[in-house]
Amino acid sequence: MAAQAVKDGEADAIFSAGNTGALLAV
């Protein structure tokens, strides 16, 4: 959902401390 917010222009950047591979994927 955080990544989708960036894609939709609702946010300028995304941050996570979670799954590295999943963050790369999104």
mmCIF file of all heavy atoms, coordinates in Angstrom:
data_MODEL
# 
_entry.id   MODEL 
# 
loop_
_atom_site.group_PDB 
_atom_site.id 
_atom_site.type_symbol 
_atom_site.label_atom_id 
_atom_site.label_alt_id 
_atom_site.label_comp_id 
_atom_site.label_asym_id 
_atom_site.label_entity_id 
_atom_site.label_seq_id 
_atom_site.pdbx_PDB_ins_code 
_atom_site.Cartn_x 
_atom_site.Cartn_y 
_atom_site.Cartn_z 
_atom_site.occupancy 
_atom_site.B_iso_or_equiv 
_atom_site.pdbx_formal_charge 
_atom_site.auth_seq_id 
_atom_site.auth_comp_id 
_atom_site.auth_asym_id 
_atom_site.auth_atom_id 
_atom_site.pdbx_PDB_model_num 
ATOM 1   N N   . MET A 1 1  ? 0.821  -1.211  0.000   1.00 0.00 ? 1  MET A N   1 
ATOM 2   C CA  . MET A 1 1  ? 0.000  0.000   0.000   1.00 0.00 ? 1  MET A CA  1 
ATOM 3   C C   . MET A 1 1  ? 0.856  1.263   0.000   1.00 0.00 ? 1  MET A C   1 
ATOM 4   O O   . MET A 1 1  ? 0.517  2.257   -0.651  1.00 0.00 ? 1  MET A O   1 
ATOM 5   C CB  . MET A 1 1  ? -0.939 -0.012  1.203   1.00 0.00 ? 1  MET A CB  1 
ATOM 6   C CG  . MET A 1 1  ? -2.052 -1.053  1.106   1.00 0.00 ? 1  MET A CG  1 
ATOM 7   S SD  . MET A 1 1  ? -3.115 -1.092  2.585   1.00 0.00 ? 1  MET A SD  1 
ATOM 8   C CE  . MET A 1 1  ? -3.922 0.508   2.480   1.00 0.00 ? 1  MET A CE  1 
ATOM 9   N N   . ALA A 1 2  ? 1.987  1.224   0.709   1.00 0.00 ? 2  ALA A N   1 
ATOM 10  C CA  . ALA A 1 2  ? 2.891  2.381   0.715   1.00 0.00 ? 2  ALA A CA  1 
ATOM 11  C C   . ALA A 1 2  ? 3.483  2.603   -0.672  1.00 0.00 ? 2  ALA A C   1 
ATOM 12  O O   . ALA A 1 2  ? 3.579  3.742   -1.153  1.00 0.00 ? 2  ALA A O   1 
ATOM 13  C CB  . ALA A 1 2  ? 4.003  2.174   1.735   1.00 0.00 ? 2  ALA A CB  1 
ATOM 14  N N   . ALA A 1 3  ? 3.871  1.507   -1.341  1.00 0.00 ? 3  ALA A N   1 
ATOM 15  C CA  . ALA A 1 3  ? 4.417  1.625   -2.695  1.00 0.00 ? 3  ALA A CA  1 
ATOM 16  C C   . ALA A 1 3  ? 3.366  2.124   -3.667  1.00 0.00 ? 3  ALA A C   1 
ATOM 17  O O   . ALA A 1 3  ? 3.655  2.940   -4.572  1.00 0.00 ? 3  ALA A O   1 
ATOM 18  C CB  . ALA A 1 3  ? 4.949  0.265   -3.148  1.00 0.00 ? 3  ALA A CB  1 
ATOM 19  N N   . GLN A 1 4  ? 2.128  1.660   -3.510  1.00 0.00 ? 4  GLN A N   1 
ATOM 20  C CA  . GLN A 1 4  ? 1.056  2.101   -4.387  1.00 0.00 ? 4  GLN A CA  1 
ATOM 21  C C   . GLN A 1 4  ? 0.792  3.598   -4.229  1.00 0.00 ? 4  GLN A C   1 
ATOM 22  O O   . GLN A 1 4  ? 0.475  4.301   -5.188  1.00 0.00 ? 4  GLN A O   1 
ATOM 23  C CB  . GLN A 1 4  ? -0.223 1.310   -4.103  1.00 0.00 ? 4  GLN A CB  1 
ATOM 24  C CG  . GLN A 1 4  ? -1.334 1.501   -5.121  1.00 0.00 ? 4  GLN A CG  1 
ATOM 25  C CD  . GLN A 1 4  ? -0.956 0.999   -6.510  1.00 0.00 ? 4  GLN A CD  1 
ATOM 26  O OE1 . GLN A 1 4  ? -0.374 -0.077  -6.644  1.00 0.00 ? 4  GLN A OE1 1 
ATOM 27  N NE2 . GLN A 1 4  ? -1.277 1.778   -7.539  1.00 0.00 ? 4  GLN A NE2 1 
ATOM 28  N N   . ALA A 1 5  ? 0.947  4.095   -3.002  1.00 0.00 ? 5  ALA A N   1 
ATOM 29  C CA  . ALA A 1 5  ? 0.765  5.527   -2.759  1.00 0.00 ? 5  ALA A CA  1 
ATOM 30  C C   . ALA A 1 5  ? 1.781  6.346   -3.548  1.00 0.00 ? 5  ALA A C   1 
ATOM 31  O O   . ALA A 1 5  ? 1.469  7.424   -4.075  1.00 0.00 ? 5  ALA A O   1 
ATOM 32  C CB  . ALA A 1 5  ? 0.890  5.826   -1.261  1.00 0.00 ? 5  ALA A CB  1 
ATOM 33  N N   . VAL A 1 6  ? 3.013  5.834   -3.650  1.00 0.00 ? 6  VAL A N   1 
ATOM 34  C CA  . VAL A 1 6  ? 4.036  6.516   -4.444  1.00 0.00 ? 6  VAL A CA  1 
ATOM 35  C C   . VAL A 1 6  ? 3.668  6.460   -5.925  1.00 0.00 ? 6  VAL A C   1 
ATOM 36  O O   . VAL A 1 6  ? 3.743  7.462   -6.647  1.00 0.00 ? 6  VAL A O   1 
ATOM 37  C CB  . VAL A 1 6  ? 5.426  5.895   -4.207  1.00 0.00 ? 6  VAL A CB  1 
ATOM 38  C CG1 . VAL A 1 6  ? 6.465  6.541   -5.114  1.00 0.00 ? 6  VAL A CG1 1 
ATOM 39  C CG2 . VAL A 1 6  ? 5.837  6.055   -2.746  1.00 0.00 ? 6  VAL A CG2 1 
ATOM 40  N N   . LYS A 1 7  ? 3.260  5.299   -6.393  1.00 0.00 ? 7  LYS A N   1 
ATOM 41  C CA  . LYS A 1 7  ? 2.882  5.149   -7.797  1.00 0.00 ? 7  LYS A CA  1 
ATOM 42  C C   . LYS A 1 7  ? 1.725  6.072   -8.160  1.00 0.00 ? 7  LYS A C   1 
ATOM 43  O O   . LYS A 1 7  ? 1.704  6.669   -9.250  1.00 0.00 ? 7  LYS A O   1 
ATOM 44  C CB  . LYS A 1 7  ? 2.491  3.705   -8.086  1.00 0.00 ? 7  LYS A CB  1 
ATOM 45  C CG  . LYS A 1 7  ? 2.107  3.463   -9.545  1.00 0.00 ? 7  LYS A CG  1 
ATOM 46  C CD  . LYS A 1 7  ? 1.746  2.014   -9.803  1.00 0.00 ? 7  LYS A CD  1 
ATOM 47  C CE  . LYS A 1 7  ? 1.375  1.807   -11.272 1.00 0.00 ? 7  LYS A CE  1 
ATOM 48  N NZ  . LYS A 1 7  ? 1.031  0.393   -11.544 1.00 0.00 ? 7  LYS A NZ  1 
ATOM 49  N N   . ASP A 1 8  ? 0.760  6.226   -7.255  1.00 0.00 ? 8  ASP A N   1 
ATOM 50  C CA  . ASP A 1 8  ? -0.422 7.051   -7.516  1.00 0.00 ? 8  ASP A CA  1 
ATOM 51  C C   . ASP A 1 8  ? -0.162 8.534   -7.306  1.00 0.00 ? 8  ASP A C   1 
ATOM 52  O O   . ASP A 1 8  ? -1.085 9.351   -7.471  1.00 0.00 ? 8  ASP A O   1 
ATOM 53  C CB  . ASP A 1 8  ? -1.569 6.603   -6.608  1.00 0.00 ? 8  ASP A CB  1 
ATOM 54  C CG  . ASP A 1 8  ? -2.057 5.190   -6.927  1.00 0.00 ? 8  ASP A CG  1 
ATOM 55  O OD1 . ASP A 1 8  ? -1.756 4.686   -8.040  1.00 0.00 ? 8  ASP A OD1 1 
ATOM 56  O OD2 . ASP A 1 8  ? -2.721 4.584   -6.061  1.00 0.00 ? 8  ASP A OD2 1 
ATOM 57  N N   . GLY A 1 9  ? 1.055  8.909   -6.918  1.00 0.00 ? 9  GLY A N   1 
ATOM 58  C CA  . GLY A 1 9  ? 1.380  10.315  -6.720  1.00 0.00 ? 9  GLY A CA  1 
ATOM 59  C C   . GLY A 1 9  ? 0.937  10.879  -5.387  1.00 0.00 ? 9  GLY A C   1 
ATOM 60  O O   . GLY A 1 9  ? 0.972  12.091  -5.176  1.00 0.00 ? 9  GLY A O   1 
ATOM 61  N N   . GLU A 1 10 ? 0.528  9.998   -4.458  1.00 0.00 ? 10 GLU A N   1 
ATOM 62  C CA  . GLU A 1 10 ? 0.090  10.460  -3.150  1.00 0.00 ? 10 GLU A CA  1 
ATOM 63  C C   . GLU A 1 10 ? 1.271  10.637  -2.189  1.00 0.00 ? 10 GLU A C   1 
ATOM 64  O O   . GLU A 1 10 ? 1.118  11.238  -1.125  1.00 0.00 ? 10 GLU A O   1 
ATOM 65  C CB  . GLU A 1 10 ? -0.915 9.466   -2.558  1.00 0.00 ? 10 GLU A CB  1 
ATOM 66  C CG  . GLU A 1 10 ? -2.185 9.328   -3.384  1.00 0.00 ? 10 GLU A CG  1 
ATOM 67  C CD  . GLU A 1 10 ? -3.060 8.167   -2.929  1.00 0.00 ? 10 GLU A CD  1 
ATOM 68  O OE1 . GLU A 1 10 ? -2.652 7.466   -1.969  1.00 0.00 ? 10 GLU A OE1 1 
ATOM 69  O OE2 . GLU A 1 10 ? -4.113 7.957   -3.540  1.00 0.00 ? 10 GLU A OE2 1 
ATOM 70  N N   . ALA A 1 11 ? 2.414  10.078  -2.556  1.00 0.00 ? 11 ALA A N   1 
ATOM 71  C CA  . ALA A 1 11 ? 3.633  10.221  -1.754  1.00 0.00 ? 11 ALA A CA  1 
ATOM 72  C C   . ALA A 1 11 ? 4.819  10.343  -2.696  1.00 0.00 ? 11 ALA A C   1 
ATOM 73  O O   . ALA A 1 11 ? 4.755  9.924   -3.862  1.00 0.00 ? 11 ALA A O   1 
ATOM 74  C CB  . ALA A 1 11 ? 3.813  9.027   -0.815  1.00 0.00 ? 11 ALA A CB  1 
ATOM 75  N N   . ASP A 1 12 ? 5.916  10.930  -2.186  1.00 0.00 ? 12 ASP A N   1 
ATOM 76  C CA  . ASP A 1 12 ? 7.103  11.179  -3.008  1.00 0.00 ? 12 ASP A CA  1 
ATOM 77  C C   . ASP A 1 12 ? 8.166  10.108  -2.863  1.00 0.00 ? 12 ASP A C   1 
ATOM 78  O O   . ASP A 1 12 ? 9.064  10.006  -3.694  1.00 0.00 ? 12 ASP A O   1 
ATOM 79  C CB  . ASP A 1 12 ? 7.719  12.529  -2.623  1.00 0.00 ? 12 ASP A CB  1 
ATOM 80  C CG  . ASP A 1 12 ? 6.740  13.678  -2.779  1.00 0.00 ? 12 ASP A CG  1 
ATOM 81  O OD1 . ASP A 1 12 ? 6.209  13.848  -3.878  1.00 0.00 ? 12 ASP A OD1 1 
ATOM 82  O OD2 . ASP A 1 12 ? 6.504  14.390  -1.781  1.00 0.00 ? 12 ASP A OD2 1 
ATOM 83  N N   . ALA A 1 13 ? 8.100  9.307   -1.791  1.00 0.00 ? 13 ALA A N   1 
ATOM 84  C CA  . ALA A 1 13 ? 9.131  8.312   -1.513  1.00 0.00 ? 13 ALA A CA  1 
ATOM 85  C C   . ALA A 1 13 ? 8.544  7.241   -0.615  1.00 0.00 ? 13 ALA A C   1 
ATOM 86  O O   . ALA A 1 13 ? 7.497  7.440   0.008   1.00 0.00 ? 13 ALA A O   1 
ATOM 87  C CB  . ALA A 1 13 ? 10.333 8.967   -0.838  1.00 0.00 ? 13 ALA A CB  1 
ATOM 88  N N   . ILE A 1 14 ? 9.227  6.091   -0.557  1.00 0.00 ? 14 ILE A N   1 
ATOM 89  C CA  . ILE A 1 14 ? 8.792  4.999   0.309   1.00 0.00 ? 14 ILE A CA  1 
ATOM 90  C C   . ILE A 1 14 ? 9.951  4.527   1.174   1.00 0.00 ? 14 ILE A C   1 
ATOM 91  O O   . ILE A 1 14 ? 11.101 4.454   0.717   1.00 0.00 ? 14 ILE A O   1 
ATOM 92  C CB  . ILE A 1 14 ? 8.209  3.823   -0.505  1.00 0.00 ? 14 ILE A CB  1 
ATOM 93  C CG1 . ILE A 1 14 ? 7.839  2.641   0.427   1.00 0.00 ? 14 ILE A CG1 1 
ATOM 94  C CG2 . ILE A 1 14 ? 9.156  3.364   -1.587  1.00 0.00 ? 14 ILE A CG2 1 
ATOM 95  C CD1 . ILE A 1 14 ? 7.162  1.487   -0.279  1.00 0.00 ? 14 ILE A CD1 1 
ATOM 96  N N   . PHE A 1 15 ? 9.622  4.180   2.431   1.00 0.00 ? 15 PHE A N   1 
ATOM 97  C CA  . PHE A 1 15 ? 10.605 3.687   3.385   1.00 0.00 ? 15 PHE A CA  1 
ATOM 98  C C   . PHE A 1 15 ? 10.098 2.396   4.020   1.00 0.00 ? 15 PHE A C   1 
ATOM 99  O O   . PHE A 1 15 ? 8.908  2.250   4.324   1.00 0.00 ? 15 PHE A O   1 
ATOM 100 C CB  . PHE A 1 15 ? 10.839 4.708   4.496   1.00 0.00 ? 15 PHE A CB  1 
ATOM 101 C CG  . PHE A 1 15 ? 11.475 4.124   5.724   1.00 0.00 ? 15 PHE A CG  1 
ATOM 102 C CD1 . PHE A 1 15 ? 12.845 3.963   5.799   1.00 0.00 ? 15 PHE A CD1 1 
ATOM 103 C CD2 . PHE A 1 15 ? 10.693 3.695   6.804   1.00 0.00 ? 15 PHE A CD2 1 
ATOM 104 C CE1 . PHE A 1 15 ? 13.437 3.398   6.928   1.00 0.00 ? 15 PHE A CE1 1 
ATOM 105 C CE2 . PHE A 1 15 ? 11.279 3.143   7.931   1.00 0.00 ? 15 PHE A CE2 1 
ATOM 106 C CZ  . PHE A 1 15 ? 12.651 2.989   7.993   1.00 0.00 ? 15 PHE A CZ  1 
ATOM 107 N N   . SER A 1 16 ? 11.028 1.454   4.259   1.00 0.00 ? 16 SER A N   1 
ATOM 108 C CA  . SER A 1 16 ? 10.699 0.232   4.981   1.00 0.00 ? 16 SER A CA  1 
ATOM 109 C C   . SER A 1 16 ? 11.943 -0.287  5.691   1.00 0.00 ? 16 SER A C   1 
ATOM 110 O O   . SER A 1 16 ? 13.061 -0.062  5.236   1.00 0.00 ? 16 SER A O   1 
ATOM 111 C CB  . SER A 1 16 ? 10.166 -0.849  4.032   1.00 0.00 ? 16 SER A CB  1 
ATOM 112 O OG  . SER A 1 16 ? 9.891  -2.061  4.739   1.00 0.00 ? 16 SER A OG  1 
ATOM 113 N N   . ALA A 1 17 ? 11.727 -0.991  6.803   1.00 0.00 ? 17 ALA A N   1 
ATOM 114 C CA  . ALA A 1 17 ? 12.804 -1.717  7.480   1.00 0.00 ? 17 ALA A CA  1 
ATOM 115 C C   . ALA A 1 17 ? 12.539 -3.214  7.382   1.00 0.00 ? 17 ALA A C   1 
ATOM 116 O O   . ALA A 1 17 ? 13.171 -3.997  8.080   1.00 0.00 ? 17 ALA A O   1 
ATOM 117 C CB  . ALA A 1 17 ? 12.896 -1.290  8.941   1.00 0.00 ? 17 ALA A CB  1 
ATOM 118 N N   . GLY A 1 18 ? 11.623 -3.599  6.496   1.00 0.00 ? 18 GLY A N   1 
ATOM 119 C CA  . GLY A 1 18 ? 11.197 -4.983  6.405   1.00 0.00 ? 18 GLY A CA  1 
ATOM 120 C C   . GLY A 1 18 ? 11.946 -5.804  5.381   1.00 0.00 ? 18 GLY A C   1 
ATOM 121 O O   . GLY A 1 18 ? 13.141 -5.615  5.155   1.00 0.00 ? 18 GLY A O   1 
ATOM 122 N N   . ASN A 1 19 ? 11.242 -6.705  4.737   1.00 0.00 ? 19 ASN A N   1 
ATOM 123 C CA  . ASN A 1 19 ? 11.773 -7.664  3.777   1.00 0.00 ? 19 ASN A CA  1 
ATOM 124 C C   . ASN A 1 19 ? 12.472 -6.941  2.614   1.00 0.00 ? 19 ASN A C   1 
ATOM 125 O O   . ASN A 1 19 ? 11.825 -6.250  1.829   1.00 0.00 ? 19 ASN A O   1 
ATOM 126 C CB  . ASN A 1 19 ? 10.614 -8.522  3.275   1.00 0.00 ? 19 ASN A CB  1 
ATOM 127 C CG  . ASN A 1 19 ? 11.048 -9.659  2.390   1.00 0.00 ? 19 ASN A CG  1 
ATOM 128 O OD1 . ASN A 1 19 ? 11.808 -9.479  1.448   1.00 0.00 ? 19 ASN A OD1 1 
ATOM 129 N ND2 . ASN A 1 19 ? 10.525 -10.849 2.664   1.00 0.00 ? 19 ASN A ND2 1 
ATOM 130 N N   . THR A 1 20 ? 13.790 -7.097  2.509   1.00 0.00 ? 20 THR A N   1 
ATOM 131 C CA  . THR A 1 20 ? 14.559 -6.380  1.483   1.00 0.00 ? 20 THR A CA  1 
ATOM 132 C C   . THR A 1 20 ? 14.120 -6.762  0.078   1.00 0.00 ? 20 THR A C   1 
ATOM 133 O O   . THR A 1 20 ? 13.928 -5.902  -0.785  1.00 0.00 ? 20 THR A O   1 
ATOM 134 C CB  . THR A 1 20 ? 16.065 -6.662  1.643   1.00 0.00 ? 20 THR A CB  1 
ATOM 135 O OG1 . THR A 1 20 ? 16.485 -6.273  2.950   1.00 0.00 ? 20 THR A OG1 1 
ATOM 136 C CG2 . THR A 1 20 ? 16.881 -5.886  0.612   1.00 0.00 ? 20 THR A CG2 1 
ATOM 137 N N   . GLY A 1 21 ? 13.964 -8.064  -0.167  1.00 0.00 ? 21 GLY A N   1 
ATOM 138 C CA  . GLY A 1 21 ? 13.561 -8.514  -1.481  1.00 0.00 ? 21 GLY A CA  1 
ATOM 139 C C   . GLY A 1 21 ? 12.202 -7.984  -1.892  1.00 0.00 ? 21 GLY A C   1 
ATOM 140 O O   . GLY A 1 21 ? 11.981 -7.615  -3.054  1.00 0.00 ? 21 GLY A O   1 
ATOM 141 N N   . ALA A 1 22 ? 11.276 -7.923  -0.927  1.00 0.00 ? 22 ALA A N   1 
ATOM 142 C CA  . ALA A 1 22 ? 9.942  -7.406  -1.219  1.00 0.00 ? 22 ALA A CA  1 
ATOM 143 C C   . ALA A 1 22 ? 9.992  -5.915  -1.534  1.00 0.00 ? 22 ALA A C   1 
ATOM 144 O O   . ALA A 1 22 ? 9.274  -5.428  -2.421  1.00 0.00 ? 22 ALA A O   1 
ATOM 145 C CB  . ALA A 1 22 ? 9.007  -7.680  -0.048  1.00 0.00 ? 22 ALA A CB  1 
ATOM 146 N N   . LEU A 1 23 ? 10.825 -5.172  -0.810  1.00 0.00 ? 23 LEU A N   1 
ATOM 147 C CA  . LEU A 1 23 ? 10.964 -3.737  -1.101  1.00 0.00 ? 23 LEU A CA  1 
ATOM 148 C C   . LEU A 1 23 ? 11.561 -3.536  -2.487  1.00 0.00 ? 23 LEU A C   1 
ATOM 149 O O   . LEU A 1 23 ? 11.129 -2.646  -3.241  1.00 0.00 ? 23 LEU A O   1 
ATOM 150 C CB  . LEU A 1 23 ? 11.829 -3.056  -0.039  1.00 0.00 ? 23 LEU A CB  1 
ATOM 151 C CG  . LEU A 1 23 ? 11.982 -1.534  -0.227  1.00 0.00 ? 23 LEU A CG  1 
ATOM 152 C CD1 . LEU A 1 23 ? 10.648 -0.830  -0.067  1.00 0.00 ? 23 LEU A CD1 1 
ATOM 153 C CD2 . LEU A 1 23 ? 12.997 -0.965  0.763   1.00 0.00 ? 23 LEU A CD2 1 
ATOM 154 N N   . LEU A 1 24 ? 12.565 -4.342  -2.846  1.00 0.00 ? 24 LEU A N   1 
ATOM 155 C CA  . LEU A 1 24 ? 13.118 -4.273  -4.196  1.00 0.00 ? 24 LEU A CA  1 
ATOM 156 C C   . LEU A 1 24 ? 12.029 -4.544  -5.232  1.00 0.00 ? 24 LEU A C   1 
ATOM 157 O O   . LEU A 1 24 ? 11.942 -3.850  -6.257  1.00 0.00 ? 24 LEU A O   1 
ATOM 158 C CB  . LEU A 1 24 ? 14.241 -5.296  -4.353  1.00 0.00 ? 24 LEU A CB  1 
ATOM 159 C CG  . LEU A 1 24 ? 15.603 -4.939  -3.757  1.00 0.00 ? 24 LEU A CG  1 
ATOM 160 C CD1 . LEU A 1 24 ? 16.491 -6.178  -3.702  1.00 0.00 ? 24 LEU A CD1 1 
ATOM 161 C CD2 . LEU A 1 24 ? 16.266 -3.847  -4.591  1.00 0.00 ? 24 LEU A CD2 1 
ATOM 162 N N   . ALA A 1 25 ? 11.210 -5.534  -4.961  1.00 0.00 ? 25 ALA A N   1 
ATOM 163 C CA  . ALA A 1 25 ? 10.166 -5.916  -5.910  1.00 0.00 ? 25 ALA A CA  1 
ATOM 164 C C   . ALA A 1 25 ? 9.146  -4.796  -6.113  1.00 0.00 ? 25 ALA A C   1 
ATOM 165 O O   . ALA A 1 25 ? 8.792  -4.472  -7.255  1.00 0.00 ? 25 ALA A O   1 
ATOM 166 C CB  . ALA A 1 25 ? 9.472  -7.194  -5.447  1.00 0.00 ? 25 ALA A CB  1 
ATOM 167 N N   . VAL A 1 26 ? 8.675  -4.176  -5.016  1.00 0.00 ? 26 VAL A N   1 
ATOM 168 C CA  . VAL A 1 26 ? 7.705  -3.096  -5.192  1.00 0.00 ? 26 VAL A CA  1 
ATOM 169 C C   . VAL A 1 26 ? 8.376  -1.864  -5.801  1.00 0.00 ? 26 VAL A C   1 
ATOM 170 O O   . VAL A 1 26 ? 7.741  -1.099  -6.537  1.00 0.00 ? 26 VAL A O   1 
ATOM 171 C CB  . VAL A 1 26 ? 7.000  -2.723  -3.863  1.00 0.00 ? 26 VAL A CB  1 
ATOM 172 C CG1 . VAL A 1 26 ? 6.177  -3.889  -3.354  1.00 0.00 ? 26 VAL A CG1 1 
ATOM 173 C CG2 . VAL A 1 26 ? 7.976  -2.228  -2.810  1.00 0.00 ? 26 VAL A CG2 1 
# 
